Amino acid sequence: MLVEKNVPLQFSNSFGIMAKALSLVRITNEQDIAAVLADPALRDAPKFVLGGGSNIVITGDVKPLVLKVEIKGKKLVGETSKAWIVEAGAGESWHDIVDWTVHQGYPGLENLALIPGTVGGSPVQNIGAYGVELQDRFESLDAVDLSTGKTFTLDAAQCAFGYRDSVFKHSSTGPNGLGLAGKALITRVRFALPKAWKPVLGYADIEKKMAQSPGVQPDALQIYEWVCEIRRAKLPDPQVIGNAGSFFKNPTVSPEQCADIIQREPKIVHYQLADGSVKLAAGWLIDACGWKGKSIGNAGVYERQALVLVNRGGSTNPVTGGEVMTLAKAIQTSVYERFGIRLEPEPVVV
């Protein structure tokens, strides 16, 4: 086990924020975790689990021991009458797994193409796009308890998935608390990919692609290609323009709240949910407040999608975490003052 000191993290977070990990260990297998926990100097140290760095805002040098997850591997591990069970290492690129499963003939993840980050981060965030969430395709995961070193497995119910939420985002309270934030490191994730596959088409951008291809009955590969085209047209590539993807969650309101807002803002973009509540498009709210294309320091709002905050300083004069959070708070204030809605950030602030 090698403990690296003062490791630059600028290229380990998708925003490209310049910062250092004071101490870092690369985790390539479970034995690396065991070695950390067997070391008296590291066992009780505060720890921060880092995957692809696509959902974090770093506001300074990271003082906890950084466990950089680099566990690889992907394979079909089983099947049932209803699904293929595919397993991937937590350090695999999420998009690479989507690409691999679709081209191997295991459909189901195609709507989630080009979401940045790693496989290990996907259940933490319960990632989702274009009508599909991770929980819809999740089978189980393996993780290691960072206190005891014991390996455990969780199914979907035990992960307590919610909208961009899971048990891994909550701290436990009390002796029976179930939160696992900061307590576990995910090593492998398994997906149940449906044999009786049906395309998920219920979003305007995909419907537009359908309209442009009359008579086409899209298969999973076609949906995958459409989603890639849509995302590349609307969202910046983090390798080119630093960003953390969608910065705010789409807020959910009651039908009464939505009706009240529609009276004042008839064009507001909204989606009816199965439970009767209404999801509002956070990007539309931000755009309506005039933020698209605006900047504070080197933190800016992307010109093509107001939901995305970007690094305008590039790699030579990168944005700071403070600038990103100052911009985010200014946007939150604007949206609340105009619509009475509090936007909640998606990324974790480190």
Protein backbone atom coordinates (compact mmCIF):
# COMPACT_ATOMS: atom_id res chain seq x y z
CA MET A 1 0.00 0.00 0.00
CA LEU A 2 1.37 3.40 -1.02
CA VAL A 3 0.24 6.56 0.78
CA GLU A 4 0.75 9.46 -1.64
CA LYS A 5 1.24 12.96 -0.22
CA ASN A 6 0.05 16.33 -1.56
CA VAL A 7 -1.60 14.81 -4.62
CA PRO A 8 -3.03 17.35 -7.12
CA LEU A 9 -6.78 16.83 -7.59
CA GLN A 10 -7.41 19.29 -10.43
CA PHE A 11 -7.80 16.46 -12.94
CA SER A 12 -9.61 14.20 -10.48
CA ASN A 13 -12.70 16.42 -10.28
CA SER A 14 -14.78 17.26 -13.33
CA PHE A 15 -15.00 20.96 -12.43
CA GLY A 16 -11.20 21.17 -12.74
CA ILE A 17 -10.91 22.96 -9.38
CA MET A 18 -7.30 23.17 -8.22
CA ALA A 19 -6.76 21.51 -4.84
CA LYS A 20 -4.61 18.85 -3.20
CA ALA A 21 -5.25 15.68 -1.25
CA LEU A 22 -2.89 15.86 1.71
CA SER A 23 -2.85 12.04 1.77
CA LEU A 24 -4.25 9.62 -0.83
CA VAL A 25 -4.43 5.84 -1.25
CA ARG A 26 -5.53 4.24 -4.51
CA ILE A 27 -8.04 1.44 -3.97
CA THR A 28 -7.79 -1.20 -6.71
CA ASN A 29 -9.24 -4.12 -4.73
CA GLU A 30 -10.61 -5.08 -1.30
CA GLN A 31 -7.09 -5.91 -0.07
CA ASP A 32 -6.13 -2.25 -0.38
CA ILE A 33 -8.96 -1.30 1.98
CA ALA A 34 -7.88 -4.00 4.42
CA ALA A 35 -4.34 -2.60 4.33
CA VAL A 36 -5.58 0.90 5.16
CA LEU A 37 -7.64 -0.39 8.10
CA ALA A 38 -4.73 -2.48 9.36
CA ASP A 39 -2.45 0.55 9.52
CA PRO A 40 -2.62 2.14 13.00
CA ALA A 41 -1.86 5.57 11.55
CA LEU A 42 -4.70 5.37 9.00
CA ARG A 43 -7.36 3.18 10.59
CA ASP A 44 -9.02 5.91 12.66
CA ALA A 45 -8.24 8.83 10.35
CA PRO A 46 -11.17 10.67 8.74
CA LYS A 47 -11.66 9.38 5.20
CA PHE A 48 -13.09 10.73 1.95
CA VAL A 49 -14.08 8.33 -0.83
CA LEU A 50 -13.33 9.74 -4.30
CA GLY A 51 -14.59 8.16 -7.50
CA GLY A 52 -14.77 10.12 -10.74
CA GLY A 53 -15.07 13.46 -8.97
CA SER A 54 -18.03 14.35 -11.18
CA ASN A 55 -20.42 15.29 -8.38
CA ILE A 56 -18.26 17.31 -6.00
CA VAL A 57 -17.24 20.92 -5.44
CA ILE A 58 -13.86 21.10 -3.71
CA THR A 59 -13.53 24.27 -1.61
CA GLY A 60 -9.96 23.71 -0.38
CA ASP A 61 -7.25 21.12 0.10
CA VAL A 62 -8.78 17.84 1.26
CA LYS A 63 -7.54 17.02 4.77
CA PRO A 64 -9.19 13.59 5.30
CA LEU A 65 -7.42 10.56 3.84
CA VAL A 66 -8.64 10.30 0.24
CA LEU A 67 -9.53 6.77 -0.85
CA LYS A 68 -9.38 6.98 -4.67
CA VAL A 69 -11.55 4.15 -6.00
CA GLU A 70 -9.98 2.48 -9.05
CA ILE A 71 -11.58 -1.00 -8.92
CA LYS A 72 -12.05 -2.26 -12.48
CA GLY A 73 -13.85 -5.12 -14.20
CA LYS A 74 -17.13 -5.82 -15.97
CA LYS A 75 -18.89 -9.11 -16.71
CA LEU A 76 -22.18 -10.96 -16.97
CA VAL A 77 -22.49 -12.77 -13.63
CA GLY A 78 -25.89 -14.41 -14.03
CA GLU A 79 -29.36 -14.24 -15.45
CA THR A 80 -32.94 -14.88 -14.46
CA SER A 81 -36.02 -15.48 -16.57
CA LYS A 82 -36.52 -11.70 -16.59
CA ALA A 83 -33.07 -10.13 -16.63
CA TRP A 84 -29.36 -10.35 -17.32
CA ILE A 85 -27.26 -9.58 -14.24
CA VAL A 86 -24.19 -7.52 -15.10
CA GLU A 87 -21.50 -6.60 -12.55
CA ALA A 88 -19.02 -3.72 -12.79
CA GLY A 89 -16.18 -2.52 -10.61
CA ALA A 90 -16.81 0.74 -8.79
CA GLY A 91 -13.89 2.44 -10.53
CA GLU A 92 -15.18 1.82 -14.05
CA SER A 93 -16.36 4.83 -16.06
CA TRP A 94 -20.15 4.94 -15.96
CA HIS A 95 -20.49 5.78 -19.65
CA ASP A 96 -18.12 2.97 -20.61
CA ILE A 97 -20.39 0.48 -18.81
CA VAL A 98 -23.46 1.87 -20.59
CA ASP A 99 -21.67 1.60 -23.93
CA TRP A 100 -20.46 -1.94 -23.18
CA THR A 101 -23.83 -3.30 -22.02
CA VAL A 102 -25.72 -1.87 -25.00
CA HIS A 103 -23.21 -3.24 -27.49
CA GLN A 104 -23.17 -6.63 -25.73
CA GLY A 105 -26.94 -6.90 -26.22
CA TYR A 106 -27.91 -6.19 -22.59
CA PRO A 107 -30.34 -3.24 -22.90
CA GLY A 108 -31.64 -1.00 -20.15
CA LEU A 109 -28.98 1.61 -19.40
CA GLU A 110 -29.13 3.45 -22.74
CA ASN A 111 -31.07 6.46 -21.39
CA LEU A 112 -28.24 7.02 -18.90
CA ALA A 113 -25.50 7.42 -21.52
CA LEU A 114 -22.82 10.09 -21.10
CA ILE A 115 -23.55 10.78 -17.43
CA PRO A 116 -20.09 11.59 -16.06
CA GLY A 117 -18.60 9.73 -13.12
CA THR A 118 -17.92 6.17 -12.07
CA VAL A 119 -20.02 3.08 -11.44
CA GLY A 120 -19.46 3.37 -7.69
CA GLY A 121 -21.01 6.83 -7.64
CA SER A 122 -24.12 5.79 -9.56
CA PRO A 123 -26.09 4.29 -6.63
CA VAL A 124 -24.91 6.99 -4.21
CA GLN A 125 -26.58 9.63 -6.35
CA ASN A 126 -29.27 7.36 -7.83
CA ILE A 127 -28.34 8.92 -11.16
CA GLY A 128 -31.09 9.43 -13.70
CA ALA A 129 -31.87 10.91 -17.10
CA TYR A 130 -34.56 10.78 -19.77
CA GLY A 131 -37.10 8.82 -17.73
CA VAL A 132 -34.77 6.18 -16.23
CA GLU A 133 -33.12 6.14 -12.80
CA LEU A 134 -30.38 3.85 -11.54
CA GLN A 135 -32.85 2.25 -9.12
CA ASP A 136 -34.90 1.01 -12.11
CA ARG A 137 -31.96 -1.16 -13.25
CA PHE A 138 -30.29 -1.91 -9.91
CA GLU A 139 -29.83 -5.43 -8.56
CA SER A 140 -27.35 -5.16 -5.66
CA LEU A 141 -23.97 -3.81 -4.62
CA ASP A 142 -20.99 -4.84 -2.52
CA ALA A 143 -19.33 -2.43 -0.11
CA VAL A 144 -16.82 -2.43 2.72
CA ASP A 145 -17.50 -1.00 6.17
CA LEU A 146 -14.70 1.52 6.74
CA SER A 147 -14.81 0.97 10.50
CA THR A 148 -14.73 -2.82 10.67
CA GLY A 149 -13.38 -3.79 7.24
CA LYS A 150 -16.27 -6.19 6.75
CA THR A 151 -17.81 -6.65 3.32
CA PHE A 152 -21.58 -6.39 2.99
CA THR A 153 -24.18 -6.51 0.22
CA LEU A 154 -27.21 -4.25 -0.19
CA ASP A 155 -30.29 -4.73 -2.37
CA ALA A 156 -32.42 -1.88 -3.74
CA ALA A 157 -34.64 -1.60 -0.65
CA GLN A 158 -31.63 -1.38 1.64
CA CYS A 159 -30.15 1.40 -0.49
CA ALA A 160 -33.24 3.53 0.26
CA PHE A 161 -33.21 5.16 -3.15
CA GLY A 162 -34.94 8.49 -3.66
CA TYR A 163 -34.69 11.28 -6.20
CA ARG A 164 -30.89 11.77 -6.51
CA ASP A 165 -30.68 10.20 -3.08
CA SER A 166 -29.66 7.01 -1.27
CA VAL A 167 -28.59 5.69 2.13
CA PHE A 168 -25.03 6.67 1.20
CA LYS A 169 -25.89 10.38 1.31
CA HIS A 170 -27.19 10.37 4.88
CA SER A 171 -25.41 10.21 8.21
CA SER A 172 -26.80 7.77 10.74
CA THR A 173 -28.42 9.12 13.88
CA GLY A 174 -28.89 7.06 17.02
CA PRO A 175 -27.87 3.46 17.58
CA ASN A 176 -30.19 2.17 14.86
CA GLY A 177 -29.42 4.84 12.30
CA LEU A 178 -29.20 3.53 8.74
CA GLY A 179 -27.21 6.30 7.07
CA LEU A 180 -23.93 5.23 5.48
CA ALA A 181 -22.43 8.59 4.52
CA GLY A 182 -18.70 8.40 5.15
CA LYS A 183 -19.00 4.88 6.55
CA ALA A 184 -18.68 2.65 3.50
CA LEU A 185 -16.80 2.24 0.23
CA ILE A 186 -18.69 0.66 -2.67
CA THR A 187 -16.58 -1.92 -4.51
CA ARG A 188 -18.93 -3.46 -7.10
CA VAL A 189 -22.41 -2.81 -8.47
CA ARG A 190 -24.76 -5.24 -10.22
CA PHE A 191 -27.51 -4.30 -12.64
CA ALA A 192 -30.62 -6.24 -13.66
CA LEU A 193 -31.07 -5.52 -17.36
CA PRO A 194 -34.50 -6.54 -18.69
CA LYS A 195 -34.94 -9.29 -21.27
CA ALA A 196 -38.45 -7.99 -22.06
CA TRP A 197 -37.01 -4.58 -22.95
CA LYS A 198 -39.19 -1.63 -23.91
CA PRO A 199 -37.88 1.79 -24.95
CA VAL A 200 -38.38 4.65 -22.49
CA LEU A 201 -39.39 7.55 -24.71
CA GLY A 202 -41.36 9.96 -22.58
CA TYR A 203 -39.10 13.01 -22.79
CA ALA A 204 -39.46 15.85 -25.27
CA ASP A 205 -35.92 15.58 -26.66
CA ILE A 206 -36.34 11.88 -27.41
CA GLU A 207 -39.83 12.41 -28.80
CA LYS A 208 -38.29 15.00 -31.15
CA LYS A 209 -35.78 12.39 -32.35
CA MET A 210 -38.69 10.00 -32.94
CA ALA A 211 -40.50 12.65 -34.99
CA GLN A 212 -37.38 13.16 -37.10
CA SER A 213 -37.27 9.41 -37.84
CA PRO A 214 -40.81 8.49 -38.92
CA GLY A 215 -41.55 4.78 -38.92
CA VAL A 216 -38.46 3.90 -36.87
CA GLN A 217 -39.01 1.50 -33.99
CA PRO A 218 -35.92 2.30 -31.95
CA ASP A 219 -33.88 -0.44 -30.31
CA ALA A 220 -31.60 0.13 -27.32
CA LEU A 221 -28.65 1.07 -29.52
CA GLN A 222 -30.73 3.71 -31.33
CA ILE A 223 -31.90 5.21 -28.02
CA TYR A 224 -28.29 5.19 -26.80
CA GLU A 225 -27.11 7.06 -29.91
CA TRP A 226 -29.94 9.58 -29.63
CA VAL A 227 -29.20 10.27 -25.96
CA CYS A 228 -25.52 10.77 -26.77
CA GLU A 229 -26.43 13.24 -29.54
CA ILE A 230 -28.85 15.13 -27.27
CA ARG A 231 -26.42 15.39 -24.36
CA ARG A 232 -23.49 16.45 -26.57
CA ALA A 233 -25.63 19.20 -28.11
CA LYS A 234 -26.86 20.54 -24.76
CA LEU A 235 -24.18 19.80 -22.20
CA PRO A 236 -20.47 20.67 -22.09
CA ASP A 237 -17.85 17.91 -22.13
CA PRO A 238 -16.05 18.11 -18.75
CA GLN A 239 -12.79 17.34 -20.57
CA VAL A 240 -13.24 20.61 -22.47
CA ILE A 241 -15.23 22.84 -20.09
CA GLY A 242 -15.08 21.90 -16.41
CA ASN A 243 -18.48 21.22 -14.85
CA ALA A 244 -20.33 18.85 -12.54
CA GLY A 245 -23.31 18.19 -14.79
CA SER A 246 -26.72 19.27 -13.53
CA PHE A 247 -25.95 21.44 -10.52
CA PHE A 248 -29.44 21.63 -9.02
CA LYS A 249 -32.14 19.05 -8.47
CA ASN A 250 -35.44 19.58 -10.25
CA PRO A 251 -37.77 20.68 -7.43
CA THR A 252 -41.03 18.88 -6.71
CA VAL A 253 -44.14 20.81 -5.69
CA SER A 254 -47.77 20.07 -4.96
CA PRO A 255 -50.40 20.48 -7.72
CA GLU A 256 -51.69 23.53 -5.86
CA GLN A 257 -48.25 25.15 -5.77
CA CYS A 258 -47.77 24.42 -9.47
CA ALA A 259 -51.16 25.90 -10.36
CA ASP A 260 -50.27 29.04 -8.44
CA ILE A 261 -46.96 29.40 -10.30
CA ILE A 262 -48.61 28.72 -13.68
CA GLN A 263 -51.01 31.61 -13.05
CA ARG A 264 -47.97 33.89 -12.84
CA GLU A 265 -45.68 32.00 -15.24
CA PRO A 266 -47.80 30.15 -17.85
CA LYS A 267 -44.75 28.87 -19.76
CA ILE A 268 -43.08 27.11 -16.84
CA VAL A 269 -41.80 23.64 -17.78
CA HIS A 270 -43.30 20.98 -15.51
CA TYR A 271 -43.94 17.22 -15.42
CA GLN A 272 -46.74 15.38 -13.64
CA LEU A 273 -45.45 12.55 -11.43
CA ALA A 274 -47.18 9.27 -10.64
CA ASP A 275 -47.81 10.25 -7.01
CA GLY A 276 -49.70 13.39 -8.07
CA SER A 277 -46.91 15.84 -7.33
CA VAL A 278 -45.33 17.98 -10.04
CA LYS A 279 -41.66 18.22 -10.97
CA LEU A 280 -40.46 21.62 -12.19
CA ALA A 281 -37.50 22.10 -14.54
CA ALA A 282 -34.81 23.80 -12.46
CA GLY A 283 -33.01 24.92 -15.63
CA TRP A 284 -36.11 26.80 -16.77
CA LEU A 285 -36.43 28.54 -13.39
CA ILE A 286 -32.78 29.63 -13.51
CA ASP A 287 -33.08 30.80 -17.12
CA ALA A 288 -36.23 32.74 -16.28
CA CYS A 289 -34.25 34.61 -13.63
CA GLY A 290 -31.77 35.71 -16.31
CA TRP A 291 -28.75 33.69 -15.25
CA LYS A 292 -27.96 31.85 -18.49
CA GLY A 293 -24.49 32.92 -19.68
CA LYS A 294 -23.78 35.02 -16.55
CA SER A 295 -20.65 34.63 -14.40
CA ILE A 296 -19.28 35.38 -10.96
CA GLY A 297 -15.51 35.29 -11.15
CA ASN A 298 -14.54 32.18 -13.10
CA ALA A 299 -17.79 30.40 -12.30
CA GLY A 300 -20.43 30.70 -15.01
CA VAL A 301 -23.84 29.46 -16.08
CA TYR A 302 -23.59 27.49 -19.32
CA GLU A 303 -25.05 29.29 -22.33
CA ARG A 304 -26.93 26.24 -23.66
CA GLN A 305 -28.27 24.86 -20.39
CA ALA A 306 -28.85 27.02 -17.31
CA LEU A 307 -28.81 23.97 -15.05
CA VAL A 308 -25.06 23.54 -15.60
CA LEU A 309 -22.42 25.67 -13.87
CA VAL A 310 -19.03 25.75 -15.61
CA ASN A 311 -15.36 26.57 -15.08
CA ARG A 312 -14.70 29.62 -17.24
CA GLY A 313 -11.05 29.86 -16.20
CA GLY A 314 -10.00 26.62 -17.88
CA SER A 315 -7.02 24.66 -16.59
CA THR A 316 -4.63 27.61 -16.45
CA ASN A 317 -6.74 29.89 -14.22
CA PRO A 318 -9.32 27.48 -12.83
CA VAL A 319 -12.46 28.37 -10.95
CA THR A 320 -12.35 28.03 -7.18
CA GLY A 321 -14.87 26.14 -5.10
CA GLY A 322 -15.72 29.43 -3.40
CA GLU A 323 -16.65 31.04 -6.73
CA VAL A 324 -18.85 28.08 -7.65
CA MET A 325 -20.72 28.20 -4.33
CA THR A 326 -21.08 32.01 -4.47
CA LEU A 327 -22.72 31.69 -7.89
CA ALA A 328 -24.90 28.80 -6.73
CA LYS A 329 -26.15 30.75 -3.70
CA ALA A 330 -26.91 33.82 -5.84
CA ILE A 331 -28.98 31.64 -8.19
CA GLN A 332 -30.81 30.07 -5.25
CA THR A 333 -31.68 33.51 -3.90
CA SER A 334 -32.99 34.71 -7.30
CA VAL A 335 -35.19 31.64 -7.80
CA TYR A 336 -36.58 31.81 -4.28
CA GLU A 337 -37.37 35.52 -4.53
CA ARG A 338 -39.21 35.08 -7.83
CA PHE A 339 -40.87 31.67 -7.44
CA GLY A 340 -40.78 30.90 -3.72
CA ILE A 341 -38.87 27.68 -4.47
CA ARG A 342 -35.63 26.61 -2.84
CA LEU A 343 -33.27 24.88 -5.27
CA GLU A 344 -31.17 22.10 -3.77
CA PRO A 345 -27.66 21.48 -5.17
CA GLU A 346 -26.80 18.00 -6.45
CA PRO A 347 -23.00 18.01 -5.91
CA VAL A 348 -21.36 17.32 -2.56
CA VAL A 349 -19.37 20.24 -1.18
CA VAL A 350 -15.99 19.08 0.08
